[in-house]
PDB file of N, CA and C in Angstrom:
ATOM      1  N   UNK A   1      15.435  75.214   3.360  1.00  0.00           N
ATOM      2  CA  UNK A   1      14.151  74.675   2.716  1.00  0.00           C
ATOM      3  C   UNK A   1      14.193  73.249   2.383  1.00  0.00           C
ATOM      4  N   UNK A   2      15.364  72.932   2.069  1.00  0.00           N
ATOM      5  CA  UNK A   2      15.465  71.208   1.644  1.00  0.00           C
ATOM      6  C   UNK A   2      15.316  70.559   3.090  1.00  0.00           C
ATOM      7  N   UNK A   3      15.869  70.981   4.137  1.00  0.00           N
ATOM      8  CA  UNK A   3      15.639  70.399   5.416  1.00  0.00           C
ATOM      9  C   UNK A   3      14.290  70.498   5.936  1.00  0.00           C
ATOM     10  N   UNK A   4      13.618  71.425   5.711  1.00  0.00           N
ATOM     11  CA  UNK A   4      12.345  71.405   5.980  1.00  0.00           C
ATOM     12  C   UNK A   4      11.359  70.469   5.380  1.00  0.00           C
ATOM     13  N   UNK A   5      11.776  70.293   4.164  1.00  0.00           N
ATOM     14  CA  UNK A   5      11.025  69.333   3.095  1.00  0.00           C
ATOM     15  C   UNK A   5      11.230  68.067   3.713  1.00  0.00           C
ATOM     16  N   UNK A   6      12.543  67.772   3.966  1.00  0.00           N
ATOM     17  CA  UNK A   6      13.071  66.554   4.452  1.00  0.00           C
ATOM     18  C   UNK A   6      12.336  66.074   5.893  1.00  0.00           C
ATOM     19  N   UNK A   7      12.358  67.378   6.664  1.00  0.00           N
ATOM     20  CA  UNK A   7      11.668  66.993   7.822  1.00  0.00           C
ATOM     21  C   UNK A   7      10.377  66.769   8.045  1.00  0.00           C
ATOM     22  N   UNK A   8       9.623  67.344   6.874  1.00  0.00           N
ATOM     23  CA  UNK A   8       8.350  66.921   7.174  1.00  0.00           C
ATOM     24  C   UNK A   8       7.878  65.517   6.175  1.00  0.00           C
ATOM     25  N   UNK A   9       8.709  65.292   5.171  1.00  0.00           N
ATOM     26  CA  UNK A   9       8.664  64.059   4.831  1.00  0.00           C
ATOM     27  C   UNK A   9       8.892  62.998   5.859  1.00  0.00           C
ATOM     28  N   UNK A  10       9.912  63.073   6.308  1.00  0.00           N
ATOM     29  CA  UNK A  10      10.424  62.188   7.717  1.00  0.00           C
ATOM     30  C   UNK A  10       8.932  62.302   8.920  1.00  0.00           C
ATOM     31  N   UNK A  11       8.496  63.174   9.091  1.00  0.00           N
ATOM     32  CA  UNK A  11       7.576  63.194  10.032  1.00  0.00           C
ATOM     33  C   UNK A  11       6.156  62.470   9.604  1.00  0.00           C
ATOM     34  N   UNK A  12       6.030  62.776   8.238  1.00  0.00           N
ATOM     35  CA  UNK A  12       4.904  62.227   7.599  1.00  0.00           C
ATOM     36  C   UNK A  12       5.242  60.419   7.630  1.00  0.00           C
ATOM     37  N   UNK A  13       6.272  60.129   7.172  1.00  0.00           N
ATOM     38  CA  UNK A  13       6.812  58.689   7.191  1.00  0.00           C
ATOM     39  C   UNK A  13       6.542  58.065   8.596  1.00  0.00           C
ATOM     40  N   UNK A  14       6.790  58.761   9.747  1.00  0.00           N
ATOM     41  CA  UNK A  14       6.788  58.217  10.981  1.00  0.00           C
ATOM     42  C   UNK A  14       5.311  57.973  11.516  1.00  0.00           C
ATOM     43  N   UNK A  15       4.547  58.925  11.146  1.00  0.00           N
ATOM     44  CA  UNK A  15       3.137  59.115  11.168  1.00  0.00           C
ATOM     45  C   UNK A  15       2.444  57.800  10.772  1.00  0.00           C
ATOM     46  N   UNK A  16       2.907  57.719   9.234  1.00  0.00           N
ATOM     47  CA  UNK A  16       2.205  56.665   8.681  1.00  0.00           C
ATOM     48  C   UNK A  16       2.868  55.256   9.192  1.00  0.00           C
ATOM     49  N   UNK A  17       3.906  55.160   9.638  1.00  0.00           N
ATOM     50  CA  UNK A  17       4.600  53.873  10.319  1.00  0.00           C
ATOM     51  C   UNK A  17       3.845  53.607  11.604  1.00  0.00           C
ATOM     52  N   UNK A  18       3.516  54.547  12.298  1.00  0.00           N
ATOM     53  CA  UNK A  18       2.776  54.350  13.731  1.00  0.00           C
ATOM     54  C   UNK A  18       1.126  53.982  13.347  1.00  0.00           C
ATOM     55  N   UNK A  19       0.777  54.919  12.239  1.00  0.00           N
ATOM     56  CA  UNK A  19      -0.397  54.079  11.893  1.00  0.00           C
ATOM     57  C   UNK A  19      -0.782  52.913  11.374  1.00  0.00           C
ATOM     58  N   UNK A  20       0.205  52.378  10.500  1.00  0.00           N
ATOM     59  CA  UNK A  20      -0.183  51.189   9.672  1.00  0.00           C
ATOM     60  C   UNK A  20       0.635  50.038  10.189  1.00  0.00           C
ATOM     61  N   UNK A  21       1.979  50.277  10.953  1.00  0.00           N
ATOM     62  CA  UNK A  21       2.594  48.912  11.607  1.00  0.00           C
ATOM     63  C   UNK A  21       1.768  48.109  12.391  1.00  0.00           C
ATOM     64  N   UNK A  22       1.096  48.545  13.256  1.00  0.00           N
ATOM     65  CA  UNK A  22       0.216  47.717  14.141  1.00  0.00           C
ATOM     66  C   UNK A  22      -0.518  46.828  13.361  1.00  0.00           C
ATOM     67  N   UNK A  23      -1.330  47.300  12.250  1.00  0.00           N
ATOM     68  CA  UNK A  23      -2.239  46.635  11.374  1.00  0.00           C
ATOM     69  C   UNK A  23      -1.158  45.482  10.720  1.00  0.00           C
ATOM     70  N   UNK A  24       0.059  45.968  10.405  1.00  0.00           N
ATOM     71  CA  UNK A  24       0.825  44.965   9.453  1.00  0.00           C
ATOM     72  C   UNK A  24       1.110  43.651  10.533  1.00  0.00           C
ATOM     73  N   UNK A  25       1.384  44.264  11.752  1.00  0.00           N
ATOM     74  CA  UNK A  25       1.816  43.395  12.654  1.00  0.00           C
ATOM     75  C   UNK A  25       0.904  42.480  12.918  1.00  0.00           C
ATOM     76  N   UNK A  26      -0.436  42.743  13.126  1.00  0.00           N
ATOM     77  CA  UNK A  26      -1.687  41.801  13.260  1.00  0.00           C
ATOM     78  C   UNK A  26      -1.827  40.877  12.063  1.00  0.00           C
ATOM     79  N   UNK A  27      -1.702  41.260  10.882  1.00  0.00           N
ATOM     80  CA  UNK A  27      -1.851  40.329   9.701  1.00  0.00           C
ATOM     81  C   UNK A  27      -0.831  39.607   9.699  1.00  0.00           C
ATOM     82  N   UNK A  28       0.325  39.735   9.909  1.00  0.00           N
ATOM     83  CA  UNK A  28       1.448  39.020  10.134  1.00  0.00           C
ATOM     84  C   UNK A  28       0.956  37.716  11.236  1.00  0.00           C
ATOM     85  N   UNK A  29       0.631  38.155  12.217  1.00  0.00           N
ATOM     86  CA  UNK A  29       0.373  37.371  13.220  1.00  0.00           C
ATOM     87  C   UNK A  29      -0.865  36.440  12.979  1.00  0.00           C
ATOM     88  N   UNK A  30      -1.867  36.949  12.339  1.00  0.00           N
ATOM     89  CA  UNK A  30      -3.104  36.178  11.754  1.00  0.00           C
ATOM     90  C   UNK A  30      -2.447  35.301  10.770  1.00  0.00           C
ATOM     91  N   UNK A  31      -1.738  35.561   9.711  1.00  0.00           N
ATOM     92  CA  UNK A  31      -1.126  34.553   8.847  1.00  0.00           C
ATOM     93  C   UNK A  31      -0.430  33.419   9.201  1.00  0.00           C
ATOM     94  N   UNK A  32       0.479  33.726  10.263  1.00  0.00           N
ATOM     95  CA  UNK A  32       0.995  32.627  10.963  1.00  0.00           C
ATOM     96  C   UNK A  32       0.281  31.828  11.939  1.00  0.00           C
ATOM     97  N   UNK A  33      -0.863  32.309  12.527  1.00  0.00           N
ATOM     98  CA  UNK A  33      -1.783  31.525  13.085  1.00  0.00           C
ATOM     99  C   UNK A  33      -2.620  30.440  12.313  1.00  0.00           C
ATOM    100  N   UNK A  34      -2.945  31.092  10.922  1.00  0.00           N
ATOM    101  CA  UNK A  34      -3.626  30.549   9.808  1.00  0.00           C
ATOM    102  C   UNK A  34      -3.071  29.324   9.272  1.00  0.00           C
ATOM    103  N   UNK A  35      -1.659  29.481   9.171  1.00  0.00           N
ATOM    104  CA  UNK A  35      -0.663  28.495   8.792  1.00  0.00           C
ATOM    105  C   UNK A  35      -0.640  27.209   9.706  1.00  0.00           C
ATOM    106  N   UNK A  36      -0.463  27.778  10.942  1.00  0.00           N
ATOM    107  CA  UNK A  36      -0.376  26.451  12.146  1.00  0.00           C
ATOM    108  C   UNK A  36      -1.651  25.888  11.966  1.00  0.00           C
ATOM    109  N   UNK A  37      -2.968  26.641  11.954  1.00  0.00           N
ATOM    110  CA  UNK A  37      -4.027  25.865  11.984  1.00  0.00           C
ATOM    111  C   UNK A  37      -4.434  24.823  10.540  1.00  0.00           C
ATOM    112  N   UNK A  38      -3.881  25.419   9.603  1.00  0.00           N
ATOM    113  CA  UNK A  38      -3.959  24.707   8.399  1.00  0.00           C
ATOM    114  C   UNK A  38      -2.996  23.308   8.506  1.00  0.00           C
ATOM    115  N   UNK A  39      -1.881  23.115   9.250  1.00  0.00           N
ATOM    116  CA  UNK A  39      -1.153  22.175   9.443  1.00  0.00           C
ATOM    117  C   UNK A  39      -1.912  21.292  10.526  1.00  0.00           C
ATOM    118  N   UNK A  40      -2.327  21.974  11.431  1.00  0.00           N
ATOM    119  CA  UNK A  40      -2.942  21.109  12.494  1.00  0.00           C
ATOM    120  C   UNK A  40      -4.187  20.290  11.797  1.00  0.00           C
ATOM    121  N   UNK A  41      -5.030  21.193  11.097  1.00  0.00           N
ATOM    122  CA  UNK A  41      -6.163  20.570  10.328  1.00  0.00           C
ATOM    123  C   UNK A  41      -5.796  19.377   9.454  1.00  0.00           C
ATOM    124  N   UNK A  42      -4.680  19.542   8.843  1.00  0.00           N
ATOM    125  CA  UNK A  42      -4.084  18.297   7.840  1.00  0.00           C
ATOM    126  C   UNK A  42      -3.875  17.074   8.749  1.00  0.00           C
ATOM    127  N   UNK A  43      -3.241  17.306   9.996  1.00  0.00           N
ATOM    128  CA  UNK A  43      -2.749  16.106  10.730  1.00  0.00           C
ATOM    129  C   UNK A  43      -3.840  15.479  11.410  1.00  0.00           C
ATOM    130  N   UNK A  44      -4.923  16.316  11.873  1.00  0.00           N
ATOM    131  CA  UNK A  44      -6.288  15.787  12.187  1.00  0.00           C
ATOM    132  C   UNK A  44      -6.940  15.119  11.262  1.00  0.00           C
ATOM    133  N   UNK A  45      -6.945  15.311   9.945  1.00  0.00           N
ATOM    134  CA  UNK A  45      -7.634  14.575   8.991  1.00  0.00           C
ATOM    135  C   UNK A  45      -6.912  13.354   8.499  1.00  0.00           C
ATOM    136  N   UNK A  46      -5.658  13.416   8.533  1.00  0.00           N
ATOM    137  CA  UNK A  46      -5.102  12.248   8.847  1.00  0.00           C
ATOM    138  C   UNK A  46      -5.177  11.120   9.805  1.00  0.00           C
ATOM    139  N   UNK A  47      -5.133  11.788  11.135  1.00  0.00           N
ATOM    140  CA  UNK A  47      -5.229  10.833  12.113  1.00  0.00           C
ATOM    141  C   UNK A  47      -6.853  10.457  11.891  1.00  0.00           C
ATOM    142  N   UNK A  48      -7.824  11.044  11.569  1.00  0.00           N
ATOM    143  CA  UNK A  48      -9.404  10.759  11.517  1.00  0.00           C
ATOM    144  C   UNK A  48      -9.437   9.743  10.439  1.00  0.00           C
ATOM    145  N   UNK A  49      -8.687   9.703   9.347  1.00  0.00           N
ATOM    146  CA  UNK A  49      -8.617   8.706   8.329  1.00  0.00           C
ATOM    147  C   UNK A  49      -8.341   7.313   8.973  1.00  0.00           C
ATOM    148  N   UNK A  50      -7.127   7.482   9.816  1.00  0.00           N
ATOM    149  CA  UNK A  50      -6.491   6.171  10.369  1.00  0.00           C
ATOM    150  C   UNK A  50      -7.714   5.654  11.407  1.00  0.00           C
ATOM    151  N   UNK A  51      -8.237   6.668  12.188  1.00  0.00           N
ATOM    152  CA  UNK A  51      -9.270   6.188  13.059  1.00  0.00           C
ATOM    153  C   UNK A  51     -10.379   5.417  12.538  1.00  0.00           C
ATOM    154  N   UNK A  52     -10.871   6.113  11.383  1.00  0.00           N
ATOM    155  CA  UNK A  52     -11.918   5.504  10.755  1.00  0.00           C
ATOM    156  C   UNK A  52     -11.622   4.143   9.896  1.00  0.00           C
ATOM    157  N   UNK A  53     -10.450   4.019   9.522  1.00  0.00           N
ATOM    158  CA  UNK A  53      -9.903   2.628   9.329  1.00  0.00           C
ATOM    159  C   UNK A  53      -9.965   1.678  10.392  1.00  0.00           C
ATOM    160  N   UNK A  54      -9.543   1.899  11.543  1.00  0.00           N
ATOM    161  CA  UNK A  54      -9.534   1.156  12.515  1.00  0.00           C
ATOM    162  C   UNK A  54     -10.746   0.939  13.024  1.00  0.00           C
ATOM    163  N   UNK A  55     -11.751   1.660  12.779  1.00  0.00           N
ATOM    164  CA  UNK A  55     -13.213   1.561  13.286  1.00  0.00           C
ATOM    165  C   UNK A  55     -13.755   0.471  12.296  1.00  0.00           C
ATOM    166  N   UNK A  56     -13.591   0.829  10.938  1.00  0.00           N
ATOM    167  CA  UNK A  56     -14.049  -0.405   9.925  1.00  0.00           C
ATOM    168  C   UNK A  56     -13.578  -1.909  10.206  1.00  0.00           C
ATOM    169  N   UNK A  57     -12.387  -1.860  10.688  1.00  0.00           N
ATOM    170  CA  UNK A  57     -11.495  -2.911  10.630  1.00  0.00           C
ATOM    171  C   UNK A  57     -12.275  -3.608  12.183  1.00  0.00           C
ATOM    172  N   UNK A  58     -12.591  -2.786  13.055  1.00  0.00           N
ATOM    173  CA  UNK A  58     -13.161  -3.286  14.516  1.00  0.00           C
ATOM    174  C   UNK A  58     -14.448  -4.107  14.189  1.00  0.00           C
ATOM    175  N   UNK A  59     -15.296  -3.335  13.207  1.00  0.00           N
ATOM    176  CA  UNK A  59     -16.545  -3.534  12.828  1.00  0.00           C
ATOM    177  C   UNK A  59     -16.783  -4.960  12.034  1.00  0.00           C
ATOM    178  N   UNK A  60     -15.652  -5.145  11.290  1.00  0.00           N
ATOM    179  CA  UNK A  60     -15.836  -6.298  10.196  1.00  0.00           C
ATOM    180  C   UNK A  60     -15.178  -7.342  10.458  1.00  0.00           C
ATOM    181  N   UNK A  61     -13.539  -7.374  10.991  1.00  0.00           N
ATOM    182  CA  UNK A  61     -12.656  -8.152  11.183  1.00  0.00           C
ATOM    183  C   UNK A  61     -12.673  -8.895  12.522  1.00  0.00           C
ATOM    184  N   UNK A  62     -13.206 -10.055  12.613  1.00  0.00           N
ATOM    185  CA  UNK A  62     -13.445 -10.782  13.878  1.00  0.00           C
ATOM    186  C   UNK A  62     -12.128 -11.021  14.402  1.00  0.00           C
ATOM    187  N   UNK A  63     -11.068 -11.249  13.358  1.00  0.00           N
ATOM    188  CA  UNK A  63      -9.507 -11.684  14.092  1.00  0.00           C
ATOM    189  C   UNK A  63      -9.030 -10.660  14.753  1.00  0.00           C
ATOM    190  N   UNK A  64      -9.295  -9.459  14.196  1.00  0.00           N
ATOM    191  CA  UNK A  64      -8.623  -8.192  14.865  1.00  0.00           C
ATOM    192  C   UNK A  64      -9.335  -7.883  16.181  1.00  0.00           C
ATOM    193  N   UNK A  65     -10.643  -7.968  15.838  1.00  0.00           N
ATOM    194  CA  UNK A  65     -11.576  -7.776  17.199  1.00  0.00           C
ATOM    195  C   UNK A  65     -10.883  -8.470  18.284  1.00  0.00           C
ATOM    196  N   UNK A  66     -10.856  -9.927  18.161  1.00  0.00           N
ATOM    197  CA  UNK A  66     -10.111 -10.527  19.205  1.00  0.00           C
ATOM    198  C   UNK A  66      -8.832 -10.279  19.683  1.00  0.00           C
ATOM    199  N   UNK A  67      -8.101  -9.878  18.858  1.00  0.00           N
ATOM    200  CA  UNK A  67      -6.506  -9.456  19.147  1.00  0.00           C
ATOM    201  C   UNK A  67      -6.718  -8.168  19.908  1.00  0.00           C
ATOM    202  N   UNK A  68      -7.607  -7.439  19.497  1.00  0.00           N
ATOM    203  CA  UNK A  68      -7.814  -6.143  20.591  1.00  0.00           C
ATOM    204  C   UNK A  68      -8.253  -6.426  21.959  1.00  0.00           C
ATOM    205  N   UNK A  69      -9.404  -7.045  21.786  1.00  0.00           N
ATOM    206  CA  UNK A  69      -9.911  -7.646  23.118  1.00  0.00           C
ATOM    207  C   UNK A  69      -9.209  -8.450  23.977  1.00  0.00           C
ATOM    208  N   UNK A  70      -8.073  -9.216  23.461  1.00  0.00           N
ATOM    209  CA  UNK A  70      -7.144  -9.926  24.193  1.00  0.00           C
ATOM    210  C   UNK A  70      -5.951  -8.752  24.696  1.00  0.00           C
ATOM    211  N   UNK A  71      -5.483  -8.174  23.724  1.00  0.00           N
ATOM    212  CA  UNK A  71      -4.305  -7.231  24.073  1.00  0.00           C
ATOM    213  C   UNK A  71      -4.551  -5.966  24.971  1.00  0.00           C
ATOM    214  N   UNK A  72      -5.552  -5.148  24.564  1.00  0.00           N
ATOM    215  CA  UNK A  72      -5.873  -3.976  25.012  1.00  0.00           C
ATOM    216  C   UNK A  72      -6.789  -4.163  26.384  1.00  0.00           C
ATOM    217  N   UNK A  73      -7.815  -5.056  26.205  1.00  0.00           N
ATOM    218  CA  UNK A  73      -8.774  -5.248  27.415  1.00  0.00           C
ATOM    219  C   UNK A  73      -8.549  -6.525  28.289  1.00  0.00           C
ATOM    220  N   UNK A  74      -7.833  -7.357  28.037  1.00  0.00           N
ATOM    221  CA  UNK A  74      -7.281  -8.531  28.851  1.00  0.00           C
ATOM    222  C   UNK A  74      -8.639  -9.504  29.016  1.00  0.00           C
ATOM    223  N   UNK A  75      -9.008  -9.532  27.814  1.00  0.00           N
ATOM    224  CA  UNK A  75     -10.211 -10.654  27.773  1.00  0.00           C
ATOM    225  C   UNK A  75      -9.682 -12.022  27.264  1.00  0.00           C
ATOM    226  N   UNK A  76     -10.175 -12.925  28.398  1.00  0.00           N
ATOM    227  CA  UNK A  76      -9.859 -14.255  27.695  1.00  0.00           C
ATOM    228  C   UNK A  76     -11.227 -15.129  27.532  1.00  0.00           C
ATOM    229  N   UNK A  77     -10.840 -16.359  26.842  1.00  0.00           N
ATOM    230  CA  UNK A  77     -11.949 -17.044  26.521  1.00  0.00           C
ATOM    231  C   UNK A  77     -12.521 -18.022  27.691  1.00  0.00           C
ATOM    232  N   UNK A  78     -13.505 -18.554  27.372  1.00  0.00           N
ATOM    233  CA  UNK A  78     -14.209 -19.280  28.454  1.00  0.00           C
ATOM    234  C   UNK A  78     -13.057 -20.691  28.661  1.00  0.00           C
ATOM    235  N   UNK A  79     -12.958 -21.188  29.691  1.00  0.00           N
ATOM    236  CA  UNK A  79     -12.041 -22.016  30.113  1.00  0.00           C
ATOM    237  C   UNK A  79     -10.505 -21.875  29.947  1.00  0.00           C
ATOM    238  N   UNK A  80     -10.140 -20.774  29.338  1.00  0.00           N
ATOM    239  CA  UNK A  80      -8.663 -20.343  29.445  1.00  0.00           C
ATOM    240  C   UNK A  80      -7.921 -19.557  30.604  1.00  0.00           C
ATOM    241  N   UNK A  81      -6.877 -19.873  31.065  1.00  0.00           N
ATOM    242  CA  UNK A  81      -6.163 -19.518  32.238  1.00  0.00           C
ATOM    243  C   UNK A  81      -5.523 -18.236  31.724  1.00  0.00           C
ATOM    244  N   UNK A  82      -5.618 -17.193  32.290  1.00  0.00           N
ATOM    245  CA  UNK A  82      -4.740 -16.164  31.730  1.00  0.00           C
ATOM    246  C   UNK A  82      -3.452 -16.320  32.597  1.00  0.00           C
ATOM    247  N   UNK A  83      -2.444 -15.803  31.870  1.00  0.00           N
ATOM    248  CA  UNK A  83      -0.905 -15.909  32.306  1.00  0.00           C
ATOM    249  C   UNK A  83      -0.622 -14.496  32.307  1.00  0.00           C
ATOM    250  N   UNK A  84       0.205 -13.965  33.266  1.00  0.00           N
ATOM    251  CA  UNK A  84       0.753 -12.782  33.495  1.00  0.00           C
ATOM    252  C   UNK A  84       2.336 -13.022  33.243  1.00  0.00           C
ATOM    253  N   UNK A  85       3.051 -12.473  32.444  1.00  0.00           N
ATOM    254  CA  UNK A  85       4.540 -12.464  32.323  1.00  0.00           C
ATOM    255  C   UNK A  85       4.980 -11.439  32.900  1.00  0.00           C
ATOM    256  N   UNK A  86       5.865 -11.451  33.978  1.00  0.00           N
ATOM    257  CA  UNK A  86       6.528 -10.347  34.435  1.00  0.00           C
ATOM    258  C   UNK A  86       8.026 -10.241  34.011  1.00  0.00           C
ATOM    259  N   UNK A  87       8.284  -8.948  33.555  1.00  0.00           N
ATOM    260  CA  UNK A  87       9.911  -8.952  33.163  1.00  0.00           C
ATOM    261  C   UNK A  87      10.615  -9.136  34.151  1.00  0.00           C
ATOM    262  N   UNK A  88      12.176  -9.516  33.802  1.00  0.00           N
ATOM    263  CA  UNK A  88      12.916  -9.871  34.883  1.00  0.00           C
ATOM    264  C   UNK A  88      13.314  -8.696  35.400  1.00  0.00           C
ATOM    265  N   UNK A  89      13.503  -7.603  34.907  1.00  0.00           N
ATOM    266  CA  UNK A  89      14.014  -6.313  35.451  1.00  0.00           C
ATOM    267  C   UNK A  89      12.940  -5.806  36.703  1.00  0.00           C
ATOM    268  N   UNK A  90      11.460  -5.931  36.703  1.00  0.00           N
ATOM    269  CA  UNK A  90      10.742  -5.727  37.808  1.00  0.00           C
ATOM    270  C   UNK A  90      10.970  -6.480  39.106  1.00  0.00           C
ATOM    271  N   UNK A  91      11.301  -7.891  38.610  1.00  0.00           N
ATOM    272  CA  UNK A  91      11.578  -8.840  39.416  1.00  0.00           C
ATOM    273  C   UNK A  91      12.732  -8.406  40.599  1.00  0.00           C
ATOM    274  N   UNK A  92      13.930  -7.940  39.844  1.00  0.00           N
ATOM    275  CA  UNK A  92      15.262  -7.449  40.457  1.00  0.00           C
ATOM    276  C   UNK A  92      14.995  -6.242  41.268  1.00  0.00           C
ATOM    277  N   UNK A  93      13.971  -5.472  41.045  1.00  0.00           N
ATOM    278  CA  UNK A  93      13.723  -4.162  41.860  1.00  0.00           C
ATOM    279  C   UNK A  93      13.117  -4.525  43.127  1.00  0.00           C
ATOM    280  N   UNK A  94      12.549  -5.689  43.179  1.00  0.00           N
ATOM    281  CA  UNK A  94      11.662  -6.006  44.409  1.00  0.00           C
ATOM    282  C   UNK A  94      12.832  -6.329  45.374  1.00  0.00           C
TER     283      UNK A  94
END
């Protein structure tokens, strides 16, 4: 009698586990994904703030504009002669 009750409790427990375990697993996966997305969102917001600051600086600071133009774009002023410095390591490879 006790064995039959234990057996039915065990069977019902297994059935409930089969029914609810996939849903619970899916909820855990979605929680992890949500956590990752929140972290990514936080990083992107910080990066966005930095980019907005750089944009404002590019729009208003002429000294910074010239620095960016010279360093990143290779622009020179009229009557300037551009000089390219080749590191010693690359000369030895040739």
